[in-house]
Each structure stands twice: as structure tokens, then as C-alpha cells.
Amino acid sequence: KEREFVAAISWRDFSISYADSVQGRFTISRDSAKNEVLLQISSLKPE
């Protein structure tokens, strides 16, 4: 399959977007101290 968008976060203003397919199950966040972007993925499905 083609690559698809999952989630995004702005480093500047924390604005966030999710794909409809993951809304409510995935959470994106950032850790400024570690310069990391995290994606917590829950209620995982085979798809």
C-alpha cells in the first residue's frame, strides 16, 4: 500500500492533526528536553 498520514504535531504551537482511522486511539506528543516526538498507539488492530 501507499504511505499514509497518521498524525502530526507542530513544534512551535502544539497544533495537532490525526488521520480519521487513528483518532481516539493514537496520541502524538513531543518531548522538548529530549528532542523527541512520541506516538502512543493503543487499541491496535491488524490493519
ModelCIF file with pLDDT and N, C-alpha, C, O atoms, coordinates in Angstrom:
data_MODEL
#
_entry.id   MODEL 
#
_entity.id                         1 
_entity.type                       polymer 
_entity.pdbx_number_of_molecules   1 
#
_entity_poly.entity_id                      1 
_entity_poly.type                           'polypeptide(L)' 
_entity_poly.nstd_linkage                   no 
_entity_poly.nstd_monomer                   no 
_entity_poly.pdbx_seq_one_letter_code       KEREFVAAISWRDFSISYADSVQGRFTISRDSAKNEVLLQISSLKPE 
_entity_poly.pdbx_seq_one_letter_code_can   KEREFVAAISWRDFSISYADSVQGRFTISRDSAKNEVLLQISSLKPE 
_entity_poly.pdbx_strand_id                 A 
#
loop_
_entity_poly_seq.entity_id 
_entity_poly_seq.num 
_entity_poly_seq.mon_id 
_entity_poly_seq.hetero 
1 1  LYS n 
1 2  GLU n 
1 3  ARG n 
1 4  GLU n 
1 5  PHE n 
1 6  VAL n 
1 7  ALA n 
1 8  ALA n 
1 9  ILE n 
1 10 SER n 
1 11 TRP n 
1 12 ARG n 
1 13 ASP n 
1 14 PHE n 
1 15 SER n 
1 16 ILE n 
1 17 SER n 
1 18 TYR n 
1 19 ALA n 
1 20 ASP n 
1 21 SER n 
1 22 VAL n 
1 23 GLN n 
1 24 GLY n 
1 25 ARG n 
1 26 PHE n 
1 27 THR n 
1 28 ILE n 
1 29 SER n 
1 30 ARG n 
1 31 ASP n 
1 32 SER n 
1 33 ALA n 
1 34 LYS n 
1 35 ASN n 
1 36 GLU n 
1 37 VAL n 
1 38 LEU n 
1 39 LEU n 
1 40 GLN n 
1 41 ILE n 
1 42 SER n 
1 43 SER n 
1 44 LEU n 
1 45 LYS n 
1 46 PRO n 
1 47 GLU n 
#
_struct_asym.id          A 
_struct_asym.entity_id   1 
#
loop_
_ma_qa_metric.id 
_ma_qa_metric.mode 
_ma_qa_metric.name 
_ma_qa_metric.software_group_id 
_ma_qa_metric.type 
1 global pLDDT . pLDDT 
2 local  pLDDT . pLDDT 
#
_ma_qa_metric_global.metric_id      1 
_ma_qa_metric_global.metric_value   95.66 
_ma_qa_metric_global.model_id       1 
_ma_qa_metric_global.ordinal_id     1 
#
loop_
_ma_qa_metric_local.label_asym_id 
_ma_qa_metric_local.label_comp_id 
_ma_qa_metric_local.label_seq_id 
_ma_qa_metric_local.metric_id 
_ma_qa_metric_local.metric_value 
_ma_qa_metric_local.model_id 
_ma_qa_metric_local.ordinal_id 
A LYS 1  2 96.00 1 1  
A GLU 2  2 96.00 1 2  
A ARG 3  2 97.00 1 3  
A GLU 4  2 97.00 1 4  
A PHE 5  2 98.00 1 5  
A VAL 6  2 98.00 1 6  
A ALA 7  2 98.00 1 7  
A ALA 8  2 98.00 1 8  
A ILE 9  2 97.00 1 9  
A SER 10 2 95.00 1 10 
A TRP 11 2 92.00 1 11 
A ARG 12 2 90.00 1 12 
A ASP 13 2 91.00 1 13 
A PHE 14 2 93.00 1 14 
A SER 15 2 95.00 1 15 
A ILE 16 2 97.00 1 16 
A SER 17 2 97.00 1 17 
A TYR 18 2 98.00 1 18 
A ALA 19 2 97.00 1 19 
A ASP 20 2 96.00 1 20 
A SER 21 2 95.00 1 21 
A VAL 22 2 96.00 1 22 
A GLN 23 2 96.00 1 23 
A GLY 24 2 96.00 1 24 
A ARG 25 2 97.00 1 25 
A PHE 26 2 97.00 1 26 
A THR 27 2 98.00 1 27 
A ILE 28 2 98.00 1 28 
A SER 29 2 97.00 1 29 
A ARG 30 2 94.00 1 30 
A ASP 31 2 92.00 1 31 
A SER 32 2 89.00 1 32 
A ALA 33 2 91.00 1 33 
A LYS 34 2 92.00 1 34 
A ASN 35 2 93.00 1 35 
A GLU 36 2 95.00 1 36 
A VAL 37 2 97.00 1 37 
A LEU 38 2 98.00 1 38 
A LEU 39 2 98.00 1 39 
A GLN 40 2 98.00 1 40 
A ILE 41 2 96.00 1 41 
A SER 42 2 96.00 1 42 
A SER 43 2 97.00 1 43 
A LEU 44 2 97.00 1 44 
A LYS 45 2 96.00 1 45 
A PRO 46 2 96.00 1 46 
A GLU 47 2 95.00 1 47 
#
loop_
_atom_site.group_PDB 
_atom_site.id 
_atom_site.type_symbol 
_atom_site.label_atom_id 
_atom_site.label_alt_id 
_atom_site.label_comp_id 
_atom_site.label_asym_id 
_atom_site.label_entity_id 
_atom_site.label_seq_id 
_atom_site.pdbx_PDB_ins_code 
_atom_site.Cartn_x 
_atom_site.Cartn_y 
_atom_site.Cartn_z 
_atom_site.occupancy 
_atom_site.B_iso_or_equiv 
_atom_site.pdbx_formal_charge 
_atom_site.auth_seq_id 
_atom_site.auth_comp_id 
_atom_site.auth_asym_id 
_atom_site.auth_atom_id 
_atom_site.pdbx_PDB_model_num 
ATOM 1   N N  . LYS A 1 1  ? 0.830   -1.205 0.000  1.00 96.00 ? 1  LYS A N  1 
ATOM 2   C CA . LYS A 1 1  ? 0.000   0.000  0.000  1.00 96.00 ? 1  LYS A CA 1 
ATOM 3   C C  . LYS A 1 1  ? 0.864   1.254  0.000  1.00 96.00 ? 1  LYS A C  1 
ATOM 4   O O  . LYS A 1 1  ? 2.067   1.200  0.254  1.00 96.00 ? 1  LYS A O  1 
ATOM 5   N N  . GLU A 1 2  ? 0.232   2.370  -0.287 1.00 96.00 ? 2  GLU A N  1 
ATOM 6   C CA . GLU A 1 2  ? 0.937   3.632  -0.286 1.00 96.00 ? 2  GLU A CA 1 
ATOM 7   C C  . GLU A 1 2  ? 1.130   4.139  1.143  1.00 96.00 ? 2  GLU A C  1 
ATOM 8   O O  . GLU A 1 2  ? 0.398   3.785  2.067  1.00 96.00 ? 2  GLU A O  1 
ATOM 9   N N  . ARG A 1 3  ? 2.145   4.979  1.273  1.00 97.00 ? 3  ARG A N  1 
ATOM 10  C CA . ARG A 1 3  ? 2.388   5.591  2.570  1.00 97.00 ? 3  ARG A CA 1 
ATOM 11  C C  . ARG A 1 3  ? 1.229   6.529  2.904  1.00 97.00 ? 3  ARG A C  1 
ATOM 12  O O  . ARG A 1 3  ? 0.748   7.260  2.038  1.00 97.00 ? 3  ARG A O  1 
ATOM 13  N N  . GLU A 1 4  ? 0.784   6.507  4.158  1.00 97.00 ? 4  GLU A N  1 
ATOM 14  C CA . GLU A 1 4  ? -0.340  7.334  4.548  1.00 97.00 ? 4  GLU A CA 1 
ATOM 15  C C  . GLU A 1 4  ? -0.036  8.117  5.817  1.00 97.00 ? 4  GLU A C  1 
ATOM 16  O O  . GLU A 1 4  ? 0.764   7.702  6.656  1.00 97.00 ? 4  GLU A O  1 
ATOM 17  N N  . PHE A 1 5  ? -0.689  9.242  5.927  1.00 98.00 ? 5  PHE A N  1 
ATOM 18  C CA . PHE A 1 5  ? -0.544  10.108 7.087  1.00 98.00 ? 5  PHE A CA 1 
ATOM 19  C C  . PHE A 1 5  ? -1.178  9.458  8.307  1.00 98.00 ? 5  PHE A C  1 
ATOM 20  O O  . PHE A 1 5  ? -2.223  8.816  8.208  1.00 98.00 ? 5  PHE A O  1 
ATOM 21  N N  . VAL A 1 6  ? -0.531  9.632  9.468  1.00 98.00 ? 6  VAL A N  1 
ATOM 22  C CA . VAL A 1 6  ? -1.059  9.113  10.721 1.00 98.00 ? 6  VAL A CA 1 
ATOM 23  C C  . VAL A 1 6  ? -1.350  10.255 11.693 1.00 98.00 ? 6  VAL A C  1 
ATOM 24  O O  . VAL A 1 6  ? -2.477  10.404 12.165 1.00 98.00 ? 6  VAL A O  1 
ATOM 25  N N  . ALA A 1 7  ? -0.347  11.046 11.984 1.00 98.00 ? 7  ALA A N  1 
ATOM 26  C CA . ALA A 1 7  ? -0.509  12.123 12.964 1.00 98.00 ? 7  ALA A CA 1 
ATOM 27  C C  . ALA A 1 7  ? 0.605   13.135 12.786 1.00 98.00 ? 7  ALA A C  1 
ATOM 28  O O  . ALA A 1 7  ? 1.652   12.832 12.213 1.00 98.00 ? 7  ALA A O  1 
ATOM 29  N N  . ALA A 1 8  ? 0.368   14.348 13.286 1.00 98.00 ? 8  ALA A N  1 
ATOM 30  C CA . ALA A 1 8  ? 1.382   15.388 13.193 1.00 98.00 ? 8  ALA A CA 1 
ATOM 31  C C  . ALA A 1 8  ? 1.239   16.362 14.344 1.00 98.00 ? 8  ALA A C  1 
ATOM 32  O O  . ALA A 1 8  ? 0.160   16.542 14.909 1.00 98.00 ? 8  ALA A O  1 
ATOM 33  N N  . ILE A 1 9  ? 2.360   16.987 14.676 1.00 97.00 ? 9  ILE A N  1 
ATOM 34  C CA . ILE A 1 9  ? 2.376   17.983 15.738 1.00 97.00 ? 9  ILE A CA 1 
ATOM 35  C C  . ILE A 1 9  ? 3.323   19.112 15.354 1.00 97.00 ? 9  ILE A C  1 
ATOM 36  O O  . ILE A 1 9  ? 4.392   18.883 14.789 1.00 97.00 ? 9  ILE A O  1 
ATOM 37  N N  . SER A 1 10 ? 2.914   20.320 15.669 1.00 95.00 ? 10 SER A N  1 
ATOM 38  C CA . SER A 1 10 ? 3.775   21.482 15.432 1.00 95.00 ? 10 SER A CA 1 
ATOM 39  C C  . SER A 1 10 ? 4.675   21.693 16.637 1.00 95.00 ? 10 SER A C  1 
ATOM 40  O O  . SER A 1 10 ? 4.212   21.729 17.777 1.00 95.00 ? 10 SER A O  1 
ATOM 41  N N  . TRP A 1 11 ? 5.968   21.831 16.370 1.00 92.00 ? 11 TRP A N  1 
ATOM 42  C CA . TRP A 1 11 ? 6.892   22.091 17.475 1.00 92.00 ? 11 TRP A CA 1 
ATOM 43  C C  . TRP A 1 11 ? 6.660   23.475 18.052 1.00 92.00 ? 11 TRP A C  1 
ATOM 44  O O  . TRP A 1 11 ? 6.934   23.723 19.226 1.00 92.00 ? 11 TRP A O  1 
ATOM 45  N N  . ARG A 1 12 ? 6.155   24.375 17.219 1.00 90.00 ? 12 ARG A N  1 
ATOM 46  C CA . ARG A 1 12 ? 6.032   25.765 17.654 1.00 90.00 ? 12 ARG A CA 1 
ATOM 47  C C  . ARG A 1 12 ? 4.790   26.004 18.505 1.00 90.00 ? 12 ARG A C  1 
ATOM 48  O O  . ARG A 1 12 ? 4.873   26.610 19.573 1.00 90.00 ? 12 ARG A O  1 
ATOM 49  N N  . ASP A 1 13 ? 3.622   25.522 18.026 1.00 91.00 ? 13 ASP A N  1 
ATOM 50  C CA . ASP A 1 13 ? 2.396   25.899 18.722 1.00 91.00 ? 13 ASP A CA 1 
ATOM 51  C C  . ASP A 1 13 ? 1.563   24.710 19.198 1.00 91.00 ? 13 ASP A C  1 
ATOM 52  O O  . ASP A 1 13 ? 0.428   24.883 19.642 1.00 91.00 ? 13 ASP A O  1 
ATOM 53  N N  . PHE A 1 14 ? 2.121   23.516 19.108 1.00 93.00 ? 14 PHE A N  1 
ATOM 54  C CA . PHE A 1 14 ? 1.463   22.295 19.593 1.00 93.00 ? 14 PHE A CA 1 
ATOM 55  C C  . PHE A 1 14 ? 0.190   21.954 18.829 1.00 93.00 ? 14 PHE A C  1 
ATOM 56  O O  . PHE A 1 14 ? -0.567  21.094 19.279 1.00 93.00 ? 14 PHE A O  1 
ATOM 57  N N  . SER A 1 15 ? -0.072  22.584 17.706 1.00 95.00 ? 15 SER A N  1 
ATOM 58  C CA . SER A 1 15 ? -1.237  22.177 16.927 1.00 95.00 ? 15 SER A CA 1 
ATOM 59  C C  . SER A 1 15 ? -1.042  20.726 16.472 1.00 95.00 ? 15 SER A C  1 
ATOM 60  O O  . SER A 1 15 ? 0.075   20.290 16.194 1.00 95.00 ? 15 SER A O  1 
ATOM 61  N N  . ILE A 1 16 ? -2.143  20.002 16.404 1.00 97.00 ? 16 ILE A N  1 
ATOM 62  C CA . ILE A 1 16 ? -2.089  18.559 16.166 1.00 97.00 ? 16 ILE A CA 1 
ATOM 63  C C  . ILE A 1 16 ? -3.140  18.153 15.142 1.00 97.00 ? 16 ILE A C  1 
ATOM 64  O O  . ILE A 1 16 ? -4.193  18.779 15.029 1.00 97.00 ? 16 ILE A O  1 
ATOM 65  N N  . SER A 1 17 ? -2.838  17.104 14.407 1.00 97.00 ? 17 SER A N  1 
ATOM 66  C CA . SER A 1 17 ? -3.801  16.521 13.480 1.00 97.00 ? 17 SER A CA 1 
ATOM 67  C C  . SER A 1 17 ? -3.648  15.011 13.501 1.00 97.00 ? 17 SER A C  1 
ATOM 68  O O  . SER A 1 17 ? -2.544  14.494 13.666 1.00 97.00 ? 17 SER A O  1 
ATOM 69  N N  . TYR A 1 18 ? -4.754  14.307 13.334 1.00 98.00 ? 18 TYR A N  1 
ATOM 70  C CA . TYR A 1 18 ? -4.764  12.851 13.260 1.00 98.00 ? 18 TYR A CA 1 
ATOM 71  C C  . TYR A 1 18 ? -5.524  12.398 12.029 1.00 98.00 ? 18 TYR A C  1 
ATOM 72  O O  . TYR A 1 18 ? -6.455  13.062 11.574 1.00 98.00 ? 18 TYR A O  1 
ATOM 73  N N  . ALA A 1 19 ? -5.117  11.271 11.502 1.00 97.00 ? 19 ALA A N  1 
ATOM 74  C CA . ALA A 1 19 ? -5.919  10.619 10.479 1.00 97.00 ? 19 ALA A CA 1 
ATOM 75  C C  . ALA A 1 19 ? -7.190  10.095 11.134 1.00 97.00 ? 19 ALA A C  1 
ATOM 76  O O  . ALA A 1 19 ? -7.180  9.715  12.305 1.00 97.00 ? 19 ALA A O  1 
ATOM 77  N N  . ASP A 1 20 ? -8.270  10.074 10.387 1.00 96.00 ? 20 ASP A N  1 
ATOM 78  C CA . ASP A 1 20 ? -9.539  9.601  10.937 1.00 96.00 ? 20 ASP A CA 1 
ATOM 79  C C  . ASP A 1 20 ? -9.423  8.173  11.453 1.00 96.00 ? 20 ASP A C  1 
ATOM 80  O O  . ASP A 1 20 ? -10.071 7.808  12.435 1.00 96.00 ? 20 ASP A O  1 
ATOM 81  N N  . SER A 1 21 ? -8.608  7.376  10.800 1.00 95.00 ? 21 SER A N  1 
ATOM 82  C CA . SER A 1 21 ? -8.505  5.961  11.154 1.00 95.00 ? 21 SER A CA 1 
ATOM 83  C C  . SER A 1 21 ? -7.836  5.717  12.501 1.00 95.00 ? 21 SER A C  1 
ATOM 84  O O  . SER A 1 21 ? -7.955  4.628  13.063 1.00 95.00 ? 21 SER A O  1 
ATOM 85  N N  . VAL A 1 22 ? -7.135  6.721  13.024 1.00 96.00 ? 22 VAL A N  1 
ATOM 86  C CA . VAL A 1 22 ? -6.429  6.524  14.286 1.00 96.00 ? 22 VAL A CA 1 
ATOM 87  C C  . VAL A 1 22 ? -6.934  7.459  15.383 1.00 96.00 ? 22 VAL A C  1 
ATOM 88  O O  . VAL A 1 22 ? -6.513  7.354  16.535 1.00 96.00 ? 22 VAL A O  1 
ATOM 89  N N  . GLN A 1 23 ? -7.829  8.366  15.027 1.00 96.00 ? 23 GLN A N  1 
ATOM 90  C CA . GLN A 1 23 ? -8.363  9.321  16.002 1.00 96.00 ? 23 GLN A CA 1 
ATOM 91  C C  . GLN A 1 23 ? -8.950  8.582  17.201 1.00 96.00 ? 23 GLN A C  1 
ATOM 92  O O  . GLN A 1 23 ? -9.746  7.655  17.054 1.00 96.00 ? 23 GLN A O  1 
ATOM 93  N N  . GLY A 1 24 ? -8.541  9.012  18.379 1.00 96.00 ? 24 GLY A N  1 
ATOM 94  C CA . GLY A 1 24 ? -9.031  8.386  19.596 1.00 96.00 ? 24 GLY A CA 1 
ATOM 95  C C  . GLY A 1 24 ? -8.220  7.191  20.058 1.00 96.00 ? 24 GLY A C  1 
ATOM 96  O O  . GLY A 1 24 ? -8.377  6.742  21.193 1.00 96.00 ? 24 GLY A O  1 
ATOM 97  N N  . ARG A 1 25 ? -7.363  6.670  19.207 1.00 97.00 ? 25 ARG A N  1 
ATOM 98  C CA . ARG A 1 25 ? -6.536  5.511  19.579 1.00 97.00 ? 25 ARG A CA 1 
ATOM 99  C C  . ARG A 1 25 ? -5.052  5.876  19.664 1.00 97.00 ? 25 ARG A C  1 
ATOM 100 O O  . ARG A 1 25 ? -4.312  5.287  20.451 1.00 97.00 ? 25 ARG A O  1 
ATOM 101 N N  . PHE A 1 26 ? -4.628  6.828  18.869 1.00 97.00 ? 26 PHE A N  1 
ATOM 102 C CA . PHE A 1 26 ? -3.233  7.240  18.822 1.00 97.00 ? 26 PHE A CA 1 
ATOM 103 C C  . PHE A 1 26 ? -3.101  8.635  19.433 1.00 97.00 ? 26 PHE A C  1 
ATOM 104 O O  . PHE A 1 26 ? -3.993  9.472  19.295 1.00 97.00 ? 26 PHE A O  1 
ATOM 105 N N  . THR A 1 27 ? -1.992  8.868  20.098 1.00 98.00 ? 27 THR A N  1 
ATOM 106 C CA . THR A 1 27 ? -1.718  10.177 20.685 1.00 98.00 ? 27 THR A CA 1 
ATOM 107 C C  . THR A 1 27 ? -0.302  10.598 20.349 1.00 98.00 ? 27 THR A C  1 
ATOM 108 O O  . THR A 1 27 ? 0.658   9.881  20.631 1.00 98.00 ? 27 THR A O  1 
ATOM 109 N N  . ILE A 1 28 ? -0.185  11.770 19.742 1.00 98.00 ? 28 ILE A N  1 
ATOM 110 C CA . ILE A 1 28 ? 1.137   12.300 19.403 1.00 98.00 ? 28 ILE A CA 1 
ATOM 111 C C  . ILE A 1 28 ? 1.515   13.360 20.420 1.00 98.00 ? 28 ILE A C  1 
ATOM 112 O O  . ILE A 1 28 ? 0.668   14.126 20.881 1.00 98.00 ? 28 ILE A O  1 
ATOM 113 N N  . SER A 1 29 ? 2.785   13.398 20.763 1.00 97.00 ? 29 SER A N  1 
ATOM 114 C CA . SER A 1 29 ? 3.271   14.404 21.699 1.00 97.00 ? 29 SER A CA 1 
ATOM 115 C C  . SER A 1 29 ? 4.745   14.655 21.422 1.00 97.00 ? 29 SER A C  1 
ATOM 116 O O  . SER A 1 29 ? 5.369   13.960 20.621 1.00 97.00 ? 29 SER A O  1 
ATOM 117 N N  . ARG A 1 30 ? 5.284   15.651 22.092 1.00 94.00 ? 30 ARG A N  1 
ATOM 118 C CA . ARG A 1 30 ? 6.709   15.921 21.905 1.00 94.00 ? 30 ARG A CA 1 
ATOM 119 C C  . ARG A 1 30 ? 7.374   16.176 23.247 1.00 94.00 ? 30 ARG A C  1 
ATOM 120 O O  . ARG A 1 30 ? 6.766   16.695 24.183 1.00 94.00 ? 30 ARG A O  1 
ATOM 121 N N  . ASP A 1 31 ? 8.624   15.799 23.309 1.00 92.00 ? 31 ASP A N  1 
ATOM 122 C CA . ASP A 1 31 ? 9.433   15.999 24.495 1.00 92.00 ? 31 ASP A CA 1 
ATOM 123 C C  . ASP A 1 31 ? 10.570  16.938 24.121 1.00 92.00 ? 31 ASP A C  1 
ATOM 124 O O  . ASP A 1 31 ? 11.550  16.527 23.500 1.00 92.00 ? 31 ASP A O  1 
ATOM 125 N N  . SER A 1 32 ? 10.431  18.193 24.501 1.00 89.00 ? 32 SER A N  1 
ATOM 126 C CA . SER A 1 32 ? 11.430  19.190 24.107 1.00 89.00 ? 32 SER A CA 1 
ATOM 127 C C  . SER A 1 32 ? 12.794  18.889 24.692 1.00 89.00 ? 32 SER A C  1 
ATOM 128 O O  . SER A 1 32 ? 13.818  19.088 24.037 1.00 89.00 ? 32 SER A O  1 
ATOM 129 N N  . ALA A 1 33 ? 12.809  18.412 25.920 1.00 91.00 ? 33 ALA A N  1 
ATOM 130 C CA . ALA A 1 33 ? 14.085  18.154 26.586 1.00 91.00 ? 33 ALA A CA 1 
ATOM 131 C C  . ALA A 1 33 ? 14.894  17.091 25.849 1.00 91.00 ? 33 ALA A C  1 
ATOM 132 O O  . ALA A 1 33 ? 16.120  17.169 25.770 1.00 91.00 ? 33 ALA A O  1 
ATOM 133 N N  . LYS A 1 34 ? 14.199  16.109 25.318 1.00 92.00 ? 34 LYS A N  1 
ATOM 134 C CA . LYS A 1 34 ? 14.884  15.017 24.615 1.00 92.00 ? 34 LYS A CA 1 
ATOM 135 C C  . LYS A 1 34 ? 14.880  15.197 23.106 1.00 92.00 ? 34 LYS A C  1 
ATOM 136 O O  . LYS A 1 34 ? 15.470  14.392 22.386 1.00 92.00 ? 34 LYS A O  1 
ATOM 137 N N  . ASN A 1 35 ? 14.229  16.235 22.624 1.00 93.00 ? 35 ASN A N  1 
ATOM 138 C CA . ASN A 1 35 ? 14.103  16.440 21.172 1.00 93.00 ? 35 ASN A CA 1 
ATOM 139 C C  . ASN A 1 35 ? 13.479  15.211 20.506 1.00 93.00 ? 35 ASN A C  1 
ATOM 140 O O  . ASN A 1 35 ? 13.969  14.720 19.490 1.00 93.00 ? 35 ASN A O  1 
ATOM 141 N N  . GLU A 1 36 ? 12.399  14.733 21.097 1.00 95.00 ? 36 GLU A N  1 
ATOM 142 C CA . GLU A 1 36 ? 11.734  13.545 20.600 1.00 95.00 ? 36 GLU A CA 1 
ATOM 143 C C  . GLU A 1 36 ? 10.263  13.823 20.313 1.00 95.00 ? 36 GLU A C  1 
ATOM 144 O O  . GLU A 1 36 ? 9.628   14.665 20.949 1.00 95.00 ? 36 GLU A O  1 
ATOM 145 N N  . VAL A 1 37 ? 9.754   13.097 19.347 1.00 97.00 ? 37 VAL A N  1 
ATOM 146 C CA . VAL A 1 37 ? 8.323   13.082 19.075 1.00 97.00 ? 37 VAL A CA 1 
ATOM 147 C C  . VAL A 1 37 ? 7.834   11.669 19.376 1.00 97.00 ? 37 VAL A C  1 
ATOM 148 O O  . VAL A 1 37 ? 8.411   10.684 18.915 1.00 97.00 ? 37 VAL A O  1 
ATOM 149 N N  . LEU A 1 38 ? 6.781   11.591 20.143 1.00 98.00 ? 38 LEU A N  1 
ATOM 150 C CA . LEU A 1 38 ? 6.277   10.299 20.584 1.00 98.00 ? 38 LEU A CA 1 
ATOM 151 C C  . LEU A 1 38 ? 4.925   10.020 19.950 1.00 98.00 ? 38 LEU A C  1 
ATOM 152 O O  . LEU A 1 38 ? 4.137   10.932 19.699 1.00 98.00 ? 38 LEU A O  1 
ATOM 153 N N  . LEU A 1 39 ? 4.674   8.755  19.698 1.00 98.00 ? 39 LEU A N  1 
ATOM 154 C CA . LEU A 1 39 ? 3.364   8.336  19.205 1.00 98.00 ? 39 LEU A CA 1 
ATOM 155 C C  . LEU A 1 39 ? 2.919   7.157  20.055 1.00 98.00 ? 39 LEU A C  1 
ATOM 156 O O  . LEU A 1 39 ? 3.439   6.049  19.924 1.00 98.00 ? 39 LEU A O  1 
ATOM 157 N N  . GLN A 1 40 ? 1.969   7.406  20.910 1.00 98.00 ? 40 GLN A N  1 
ATOM 158 C CA . GLN A 1 40 ? 1.377   6.347  21.718 1.00 98.00 ? 40 GLN A CA 1 
ATOM 159 C C  . GLN A 1 40 ? 0.260   5.725  20.907 1.00 98.00 ? 40 GLN A C  1 
ATOM 160 O O  . GLN A 1 40 ? -0.699  6.401  20.534 1.00 98.00 ? 40 GLN A O  1 
ATOM 161 N N  . ILE A 1 41 ? 0.386   4.435  20.634 1.00 96.00 ? 41 ILE A N  1 
ATOM 162 C CA . ILE A 1 41 ? -0.618  3.780  19.815 1.00 96.00 ? 41 ILE A CA 1 
ATOM 163 C C  . ILE A 1 41 ? -1.288  2.704  20.657 1.00 96.00 ? 41 ILE A C  1 
ATOM 164 O O  . ILE A 1 41 ? -0.620  1.845  21.233 1.00 96.00 ? 41 ILE A O  1 
ATOM 165 N N  . SER A 1 42 ? -2.607  2.757  20.722 1.00 96.00 ? 42 SER A N  1 
ATOM 166 C CA . SER A 1 42 ? -3.382  1.876  21.586 1.00 96.00 ? 42 SER A CA 1 
ATOM 167 C C  . SER A 1 42 ? -4.518  1.231  20.803 1.00 96.00 ? 42 SER A C  1 
ATOM 168 O O  . SER A 1 42 ? -4.816  1.609  19.670 1.00 96.00 ? 42 SER A O  1 
ATOM 169 N N  . SER A 1 43 ? -5.139  0.249  21.440 1.00 97.00 ? 43 SER A N  1 
ATOM 170 C CA . SER A 1 43 ? -6.255  -0.470 20.804 1.00 97.00 ? 43 SER A CA 1 
ATOM 171 C C  . SER A 1 43 ? -5.886  -0.884 19.391 1.00 97.00 ? 43 SER A C  1 
ATOM 172 O O  . SER A 1 43 ? -6.648  -0.690 18.445 1.00 97.00 ? 43 SER A O  1 
ATOM 173 N N  . LEU A 1 44 ? -4.706  -1.456 19.273 1.00 97.00 ? 44 LEU A N  1 
ATOM 174 C CA . LEU A 1 44 ? -4.180  -1.773 17.957 1.00 97.00 ? 44 LEU A CA 1 
ATOM 175 C C  . LEU A 1 44 ? -5.016  -2.817 17.233 1.00 97.00 ? 44 LEU A C  1 
ATOM 176 O O  . LEU A 1 44 ? -5.571  -3.734 17.837 1.00 97.00 ? 44 LEU A O  1 
ATOM 177 N N  . LYS A 1 45 ? -5.085  -2.646 15.931 1.00 96.00 ? 45 LYS A N  1 
ATOM 178 C CA . LYS A 1 45 ? -5.821  -3.539 15.047 1.00 96.00 ? 45 LYS A CA 1 
ATOM 179 C C  . LYS A 1 45 ? -4.850  -4.131 14.039 1.00 96.00 ? 45 LYS A C  1 
ATOM 180 O O  . LYS A 1 45 ? -3.809  -3.536 13.762 1.00 96.00 ? 45 LYS A O  1 
ATOM 181 N N  . PRO A 1 46 ? -5.174  -5.283 13.491 1.00 96.00 ? 46 PRO A N  1 
ATOM 182 C CA . PRO A 1 46 ? -4.277  -5.848 12.468 1.00 96.00 ? 46 PRO A CA 1 
ATOM 183 C C  . PRO A 1 46 ? -4.020  -4.881 11.311 1.00 96.00 ? 46 PRO A C  1 
ATOM 184 O O  . PRO A 1 46 ? -2.933  -4.892 10.733 1.00 96.00 ? 46 PRO A O  1 
ATOM 185 N N  . GLU A 1 47 ? -4.982  -4.064 10.970 1.00 95.00 ? 47 GLU A N  1 
ATOM 186 C CA . GLU A 1 47 ? -4.801  -3.107 9.876  1.00 95.00 ? 47 GLU A CA 1 
ATOM 187 C C  . GLU A 1 47 ? -3.861  -1.959 10.229 1.00 95.00 ? 47 GLU A C  1 
ATOM 188 O O  . GLU A 1 47 ? -3.620  -1.082 9.401  1.00 95.00 ? 47 GLU A O  1 
#
